[in-house]
Amino acid sequence: MRDQKPLQKLFSKSMNRREFLAHLGAGLLTIVGVSGLINSLVNLPGGRSTPRSSGYGSSGYGGKTAKQ
């Protein structure tokens, strides 16, 4: 199991409301930033894409056009 000392040190630290909210905001930004980075890496341009054959956006505006 991981070392719990840094986490215990943070929990035992005396802080006021402003410092607590700053820690909370930094943690939230870290989580959002990491998930955004992973999402952008997964959806790189030129990656795998599945073409749609039916459903919304699969045809031109106004319906399907028949090729003759």
PDB file of N, CA and C in Angstrom:
ATOM      1  N   MET A   1       0.836  -1.187   0.000  1.00  0.00           N
ATOM      2  CA  MET A   1       0.000   0.000   0.000  1.00  0.00           C
ATOM      3  C   MET A   1       0.877   1.245   0.000  1.00  0.00           C
ATOM      4  N   ARG A   2       0.353   2.330  -0.521  1.00  0.00           N
ATOM      5  CA  ARG A   2       1.126   3.567  -0.608  1.00  0.00           C
ATOM      6  C   ARG A   2       1.386   4.181   0.755  1.00  0.00           C
ATOM      7  N   ASP A   3       2.366   5.071   0.760  1.00  0.00           N
ATOM      8  CA  ASP A   3       2.722   5.778   1.983  1.00  0.00           C
ATOM      9  C   ASP A   3       1.642   6.817   2.292  1.00  0.00           C
ATOM     10  N   GLN A   4       1.054   6.749   3.471  1.00  0.00           N
ATOM     11  CA  GLN A   4      -0.039   7.635   3.859  1.00  0.00           C
ATOM     12  C   GLN A   4       0.434   8.894   4.588  1.00  0.00           C
ATOM     13  N   LYS A   5       1.756   9.048   4.746  1.00  0.00           N
ATOM     14  CA  LYS A   5       2.268  10.183   5.518  1.00  0.00           C
ATOM     15  C   LYS A   5       1.911  11.545   4.919  1.00  0.00           C
ATOM     16  N   PRO A   6       2.065  11.768   3.601  1.00  0.00           N
ATOM     17  CA  PRO A   6       1.698  13.094   3.071  1.00  0.00           C
ATOM     18  C   PRO A   6       0.222  13.423   3.252  1.00  0.00           C
ATOM     19  N   LEU A   7      -0.627  12.424   3.089  1.00  0.00           N
ATOM     20  CA  LEU A   7      -2.055  12.643   3.272  1.00  0.00           C
ATOM     21  C   LEU A   7      -2.391  12.938   4.726  1.00  0.00           C
ATOM     22  N   GLN A   8      -1.788  12.204   5.639  1.00  0.00           N
ATOM     23  CA  GLN A   8      -2.014  12.447   7.061  1.00  0.00           C
ATOM     24  C   GLN A   8      -1.484  13.819   7.468  1.00  0.00           C
ATOM     25  N   LYS A   9      -0.365  14.223   6.869  1.00  0.00           N
ATOM     26  CA  LYS A   9       0.203  15.541   7.162  1.00  0.00           C
ATOM     27  C   LYS A   9      -0.751  16.651   6.714  1.00  0.00           C
ATOM     28  N   LEU A  10      -1.375  16.466   5.552  1.00  0.00           N
ATOM     29  CA  LEU A  10      -2.332  17.456   5.052  1.00  0.00           C
ATOM     30  C   LEU A  10      -3.569  17.516   5.942  1.00  0.00           C
ATOM     31  N   PHE A  11      -4.070  16.345   6.360  1.00  0.00           N
ATOM     32  CA  PHE A  11      -5.263  16.321   7.201  1.00  0.00           C
ATOM     33  C   PHE A  11      -5.016  16.886   8.596  1.00  0.00           C
ATOM     34  N   SER A  12      -3.814  16.743   9.093  1.00  0.00           N
ATOM     35  CA  SER A  12      -3.534  17.233  10.442  1.00  0.00           C
ATOM     36  C   SER A  12      -3.122  18.706  10.455  1.00  0.00           C
ATOM     37  N   LYS A  13      -2.914  19.287   9.282  1.00  0.00           N
ATOM     38  CA  LYS A  13      -2.495  20.686   9.183  1.00  0.00           C
ATOM     39  C   LYS A  13      -3.642  21.612   9.605  1.00  0.00           C
ATOM     40  N   SER A  14      -3.310  22.579  10.429  1.00  0.00           N
ATOM     41  CA  SER A  14      -4.298  23.561  10.842  1.00  0.00           C
ATOM     42  C   SER A  14      -4.424  24.629   9.759  1.00  0.00           C
ATOM     43  N   MET A  15      -5.648  24.863   9.312  1.00  0.00           N
ATOM     44  CA  MET A  15      -5.854  25.857   8.255  1.00  0.00           C
ATOM     45  C   MET A  15      -7.190  26.552   8.440  1.00  0.00           C
ATOM     46  N   ASN A  16      -7.263  27.750   7.908  1.00  0.00           N
ATOM     47  CA  ASN A  16      -8.516  28.488   7.980  1.00  0.00           C
ATOM     48  C   ASN A  16      -9.372  28.160   6.746  1.00  0.00           C
ATOM     49  N   ARG A  17     -10.522  28.772   6.637  1.00  0.00           N
ATOM     50  CA  ARG A  17     -11.450  28.487   5.552  1.00  0.00           C
ATOM     51  C   ARG A  17     -10.854  28.819   4.196  1.00  0.00           C
ATOM     52  N   ARG A  18     -10.153  29.932   4.096  1.00  0.00           N
ATOM     53  CA  ARG A  18      -9.561  30.341   2.826  1.00  0.00           C
ATOM     54  C   ARG A  18      -8.513  29.340   2.354  1.00  0.00           C
ATOM     55  N   GLU A  19      -7.664  28.884   3.267  1.00  0.00           N
ATOM     56  CA  GLU A  19      -6.651  27.894   2.900  1.00  0.00           C
ATOM     57  C   GLU A  19      -7.292  26.559   2.513  1.00  0.00           C
ATOM     58  N   PHE A  20      -8.353  26.171   3.230  1.00  0.00           N
ATOM     59  CA  PHE A  20      -9.058  24.940   2.895  1.00  0.00           C
ATOM     60  C   PHE A  20      -9.657  25.020   1.495  1.00  0.00           C
ATOM     61  N   LEU A  21     -10.310  26.131   1.191  1.00  0.00           N
ATOM     62  CA  LEU A  21     -10.910  26.290  -0.134  1.00  0.00           C
ATOM     63  C   LEU A  21      -9.839  26.349  -1.225  1.00  0.00           C
ATOM     64  N   ALA A  22      -8.684  26.924  -0.911  1.00  0.00           N
ATOM     65  CA  ALA A  22      -7.589  26.951  -1.879  1.00  0.00           C
ATOM     66  C   ALA A  22      -7.088  25.540  -2.167  1.00  0.00           C
ATOM     67  N   HIS A  23      -6.941  24.717  -1.129  1.00  0.00           N
ATOM     68  CA  HIS A  23      -6.527  23.326  -1.324  1.00  0.00           C
ATOM     69  C   HIS A  23      -7.582  22.551  -2.113  1.00  0.00           C
ATOM     70  N   LEU A  24      -8.827  22.778  -1.781  1.00  0.00           N
ATOM     71  CA  LEU A  24      -9.918  22.102  -2.468  1.00  0.00           C
ATOM     72  C   LEU A  24      -9.962  22.502  -3.946  1.00  0.00           C
ATOM     73  N   GLY A  25      -9.811  23.785  -4.227  1.00  0.00           N
ATOM     74  CA  GLY A  25      -9.806  24.267  -5.611  1.00  0.00           C
ATOM     75  C   GLY A  25      -8.627  23.735  -6.407  1.00  0.00           C
ATOM     76  N   ALA A  26      -7.463  23.673  -5.776  1.00  0.00           N
ATOM     77  CA  ALA A  26      -6.289  23.139  -6.461  1.00  0.00           C
ATOM     78  C   ALA A  26      -6.479  21.665  -6.788  1.00  0.00           C
ATOM     79  N   GLY A  27      -7.065  20.922  -5.874  1.00  0.00           N
ATOM     80  CA  GLY A  27      -7.331  19.509  -6.129  1.00  0.00           C
ATOM     81  C   GLY A  27      -8.342  19.317  -7.254  1.00  0.00           C
ATOM     82  N   LEU A  28      -9.373  20.138  -7.258  1.00  0.00           N
ATOM     83  CA  LEU A  28     -10.388  20.053  -8.307  1.00  0.00           C
ATOM     84  C   LEU A  28      -9.803  20.399  -9.667  1.00  0.00           C
ATOM     85  N   LEU A  29      -9.000  21.457  -9.724  1.00  0.00           N
ATOM     86  CA  LEU A  29      -8.361  21.819 -10.985  1.00  0.00           C
ATOM     87  C   LEU A  29      -7.414  20.736 -11.473  1.00  0.00           C
ATOM     88  N   THR A  30      -6.740  20.082 -10.555  1.00  0.00           N
ATOM     89  CA  THR A  30      -5.850  18.982 -10.935  1.00  0.00           C
ATOM     90  C   THR A  30      -6.638  17.834 -11.540  1.00  0.00           C
ATOM     91  N   ILE A  31      -7.743  17.476 -10.918  1.00  0.00           N
ATOM     92  CA  ILE A  31      -8.566  16.371 -11.430  1.00  0.00           C
ATOM     93  C   ILE A  31      -9.140  16.721 -12.798  1.00  0.00           C
ATOM     94  N   VAL A  32      -9.677  17.929 -12.941  1.00  0.00           N
ATOM     95  CA  VAL A  32     -10.254  18.346 -14.216  1.00  0.00           C
ATOM     96  C   VAL A  32      -9.170  18.429 -15.291  1.00  0.00           C
ATOM     97  N   GLY A  33      -8.014  18.931 -14.931  1.00  0.00           N
ATOM     98  CA  GLY A  33      -6.931  19.048 -15.893  1.00  0.00           C
ATOM     99  C   GLY A  33      -6.417  17.711 -16.367  1.00  0.00           C
ATOM    100  N   VAL A  34      -6.262  16.769 -15.460  1.00  0.00           N
ATOM    101  CA  VAL A  34      -5.774  15.439 -15.839  1.00  0.00           C
ATOM    102  C   VAL A  34      -6.804  14.729 -16.706  1.00  0.00           C
ATOM    103  N   SER A  35      -8.081  14.815 -16.336  1.00  0.00           N
ATOM    104  CA  SER A  35      -9.102  14.148 -17.145  1.00  0.00           C
ATOM    105  C   SER A  35      -9.230  14.812 -18.512  1.00  0.00           C
ATOM    106  N   GLY A  36      -9.070  16.128 -18.582  1.00  0.00           N
ATOM    107  CA  GLY A  36      -9.096  16.815 -19.871  1.00  0.00           C
ATOM    108  C   GLY A  36      -7.915  16.423 -20.743  1.00  0.00           C
ATOM    109  N   LEU A  37      -6.759  16.267 -20.143  1.00  0.00           N
ATOM    110  CA  LEU A  37      -5.572  15.845 -20.882  1.00  0.00           C
ATOM    111  C   LEU A  37      -5.753  14.443 -21.428  1.00  0.00           C
ATOM    112  N   ILE A  38      -6.253  13.541 -20.618  1.00  0.00           N
ATOM    113  CA  ILE A  38      -6.486  12.170 -21.071  1.00  0.00           C
ATOM    114  C   ILE A  38      -7.519  12.153 -22.193  1.00  0.00           C
ATOM    115  N   ASN A  39      -8.567  12.927 -22.045  1.00  0.00           N
ATOM    116  CA  ASN A  39      -9.609  12.988 -23.072  1.00  0.00           C
ATOM    117  C   ASN A  39      -9.059  13.535 -24.385  1.00  0.00           C
ATOM    118  N   SER A  40      -8.220  14.552 -24.331  1.00  0.00           N
ATOM    119  CA  SER A  40      -7.659  15.101 -25.558  1.00  0.00           C
ATOM    120  C   SER A  40      -6.668  14.145 -26.199  1.00  0.00           C
ATOM    121  N   LEU A  41      -5.964  13.349 -25.407  1.00  0.00           N
ATOM    122  CA  LEU A  41      -5.043  12.364 -25.971  1.00  0.00           C
ATOM    123  C   LEU A  41      -5.788  11.204 -26.619  1.00  0.00           C
ATOM    124  N   VAL A  42      -6.918  10.833 -26.050  1.00  0.00           N
ATOM    125  CA  VAL A  42      -7.700   9.738 -26.615  1.00  0.00           C
ATOM    126  C   VAL A  42      -8.338  10.163 -27.932  1.00  0.00           C
ATOM    127  N   ASN A  43      -8.764  11.402 -28.028  1.00  0.00           N
ATOM    128  CA  ASN A  43      -9.471  11.894 -29.214  1.00  0.00           C
ATOM    129  C   ASN A  43      -8.573  12.710 -30.121  1.00  0.00           C
ATOM    130  N   LEU A  44      -7.381  12.228 -30.381  1.00  0.00           N
ATOM    131  CA  LEU A  44      -6.469  12.935 -31.269  1.00  0.00           C
ATOM    132  C   LEU A  44      -6.987  12.925 -32.699  1.00  0.00           C
ATOM    133  N   PRO A  45      -6.755  14.008 -33.463  1.00  0.00           N
ATOM    134  CA  PRO A  45      -7.159  14.005 -34.876  1.00  0.00           C
ATOM    135  C   PRO A  45      -6.386  12.936 -35.639  1.00  0.00           C
ATOM    136  N   GLY A  46      -7.044  12.297 -36.580  1.00  0.00           N
ATOM    137  CA  GLY A  46      -6.398  11.257 -37.360  1.00  0.00           C
ATOM    138  C   GLY A  46      -6.450   9.905 -36.700  1.00  0.00           C
ATOM    139  N   GLY A  47      -7.082   9.835 -35.557  1.00  0.00           N
ATOM    140  CA  GLY A  47      -7.214   8.562 -34.851  1.00  0.00           C
ATOM    141  C   GLY A  47      -8.333   7.738 -35.449  1.00  0.00           C
ATOM    142  N   ARG A  48      -8.685   6.690 -34.761  1.00  0.00           N
ATOM    143  CA  ARG A  48      -9.770   5.841 -35.250  1.00  0.00           C
ATOM    144  C   ARG A  48     -11.081   6.600 -35.186  1.00  0.00           C
ATOM    145  N   SER A  49     -11.854   6.487 -36.214  1.00  0.00           N
ATOM    146  CA  SER A  49     -13.181   7.083 -36.207  1.00  0.00           C
ATOM    147  C   SER A  49     -14.141   6.100 -36.868  1.00  0.00           C
ATOM    148  N   THR A  50     -15.326   6.049 -36.351  1.00  0.00           N
ATOM    149  CA  THR A  50     -16.319   5.149 -36.915  1.00  0.00           C
ATOM    150  C   THR A  50     -17.299   5.969 -37.727  1.00  0.00           C
ATOM    151  N   PRO A  51     -17.408   5.704 -39.029  1.00  0.00           N
ATOM    152  CA  PRO A  51     -18.353   6.463 -39.850  1.00  0.00           C
ATOM    153  C   PRO A  51     -19.787   6.093 -39.501  1.00  0.00           C
ATOM    154  N   ARG A  52     -20.652   7.068 -39.539  1.00  0.00           N
ATOM    155  CA  ARG A  52     -22.060   6.834 -39.238  1.00  0.00           C
ATOM    156  C   ARG A  52     -22.802   6.531 -40.528  1.00  0.00           C
ATOM    157  N   SER A  53     -23.589   5.483 -40.496  1.00  0.00           N
ATOM    158  CA  SER A  53     -24.376   5.136 -41.672  1.00  0.00           C
ATOM    159  C   SER A  53     -25.848   5.481 -41.484  1.00  0.00           C
ATOM    160  N   SER A  54     -26.258   5.732 -40.249  1.00  0.00           N
ATOM    161  CA  SER A  54     -27.638   6.126 -40.004  1.00  0.00           C
ATOM    162  C   SER A  54     -27.682   6.993 -38.759  1.00  0.00           C
ATOM    163  N   GLY A  55     -28.768   7.726 -38.625  1.00  0.00           N
ATOM    164  CA  GLY A  55     -28.936   8.561 -37.448  1.00  0.00           C
ATOM    165  C   GLY A  55     -28.729  10.031 -37.762  1.00  0.00           C
ATOM    166  N   TYR A  56     -28.828  10.834 -36.735  1.00  0.00           N
ATOM    167  CA  TYR A  56     -28.709  12.273 -36.895  1.00  0.00           C
ATOM    168  C   TYR A  56     -27.317  12.638 -37.389  1.00  0.00           C
ATOM    169  N   GLY A  57     -27.244  13.438 -38.445  1.00  0.00           N
ATOM    170  CA  GLY A  57     -25.972  13.891 -38.973  1.00  0.00           C
ATOM    171  C   GLY A  57     -25.348  12.950 -39.980  1.00  0.00           C
ATOM    172  N   SER A  58     -26.039  11.881 -40.335  1.00  0.00           N
ATOM    173  CA  SER A  58     -25.450  10.924 -41.267  1.00  0.00           C
ATOM    174  C   SER A  58     -25.694  11.299 -42.722  1.00  0.00           C
ATOM    175  N   SER A  59     -26.597  12.228 -42.962  1.00  0.00           N
ATOM    176  CA  SER A  59     -26.887  12.625 -44.337  1.00  0.00           C
ATOM    177  C   SER A  59     -26.875  14.135 -44.449  1.00  0.00           C
ATOM    178  N   GLY A  60     -27.005  14.611 -45.662  1.00  0.00           N
ATOM    179  CA  GLY A  60     -27.027  16.045 -45.904  1.00  0.00           C
ATOM    180  C   GLY A  60     -28.276  16.687 -45.341  1.00  0.00           C
ATOM    181  N   TYR A  61     -28.255  17.991 -45.250  1.00  0.00           N
ATOM    182  CA  TYR A  61     -29.398  18.737 -44.729  1.00  0.00           C
ATOM    183  C   TYR A  61     -30.595  18.536 -45.645  1.00  0.00           C
ATOM    184  N   GLY A  62     -31.737  18.200 -45.067  1.00  0.00           N
ATOM    185  CA  GLY A  62     -32.950  18.034 -45.855  1.00  0.00           C
ATOM    186  C   GLY A  62     -33.259  16.595 -46.152  1.00  0.00           C
ATOM    187  N   GLY A  63     -32.472  15.676 -45.685  1.00  0.00           N
ATOM    188  CA  GLY A  63     -32.774  14.258 -45.905  1.00  0.00           C
ATOM    189  C   GLY A  63     -31.714  13.611 -46.752  1.00  0.00           C
ATOM    190  N   LYS A  64     -31.929  12.335 -46.996  1.00  0.00           N
ATOM    191  CA  LYS A  64     -30.978  11.570 -47.781  1.00  0.00           C
ATOM    192  C   LYS A  64     -31.163  11.877 -49.274  1.00  0.00           C
ATOM    193  N   THR A  65     -30.089  11.854 -49.975  1.00  0.00           N
ATOM    194  CA  THR A  65     -30.143  12.077 -51.425  1.00  0.00           C
ATOM    195  C   THR A  65     -29.865  10.760 -52.120  1.00  0.00           C
ATOM    196  N   ALA A  66     -30.648  10.467 -53.104  1.00  0.00           N
ATOM    197  CA  ALA A  66     -30.498   9.212 -53.841  1.00  0.00           C
ATOM    198  C   ALA A  66     -29.523   9.437 -54.989  1.00  0.00           C
ATOM    199  N   LYS A  67     -28.555   8.551 -55.105  1.00  0.00           N
ATOM    200  CA  LYS A  67     -27.617   8.620 -56.227  1.00  0.00           C
ATOM    201  C   LYS A  67     -28.211   7.881 -57.402  1.00  0.00           C
ATOM    202  N   GLN A  68     -28.154   8.509 -58.571  1.00  0.00           N
ATOM    203  CA  GLN A  68     -28.724   7.867 -59.770  1.00  0.00           C
ATOM    204  C   GLN A  68     -27.681   7.705 -60.827  1.00  0.00           C
TER     205      GLN A  68
END
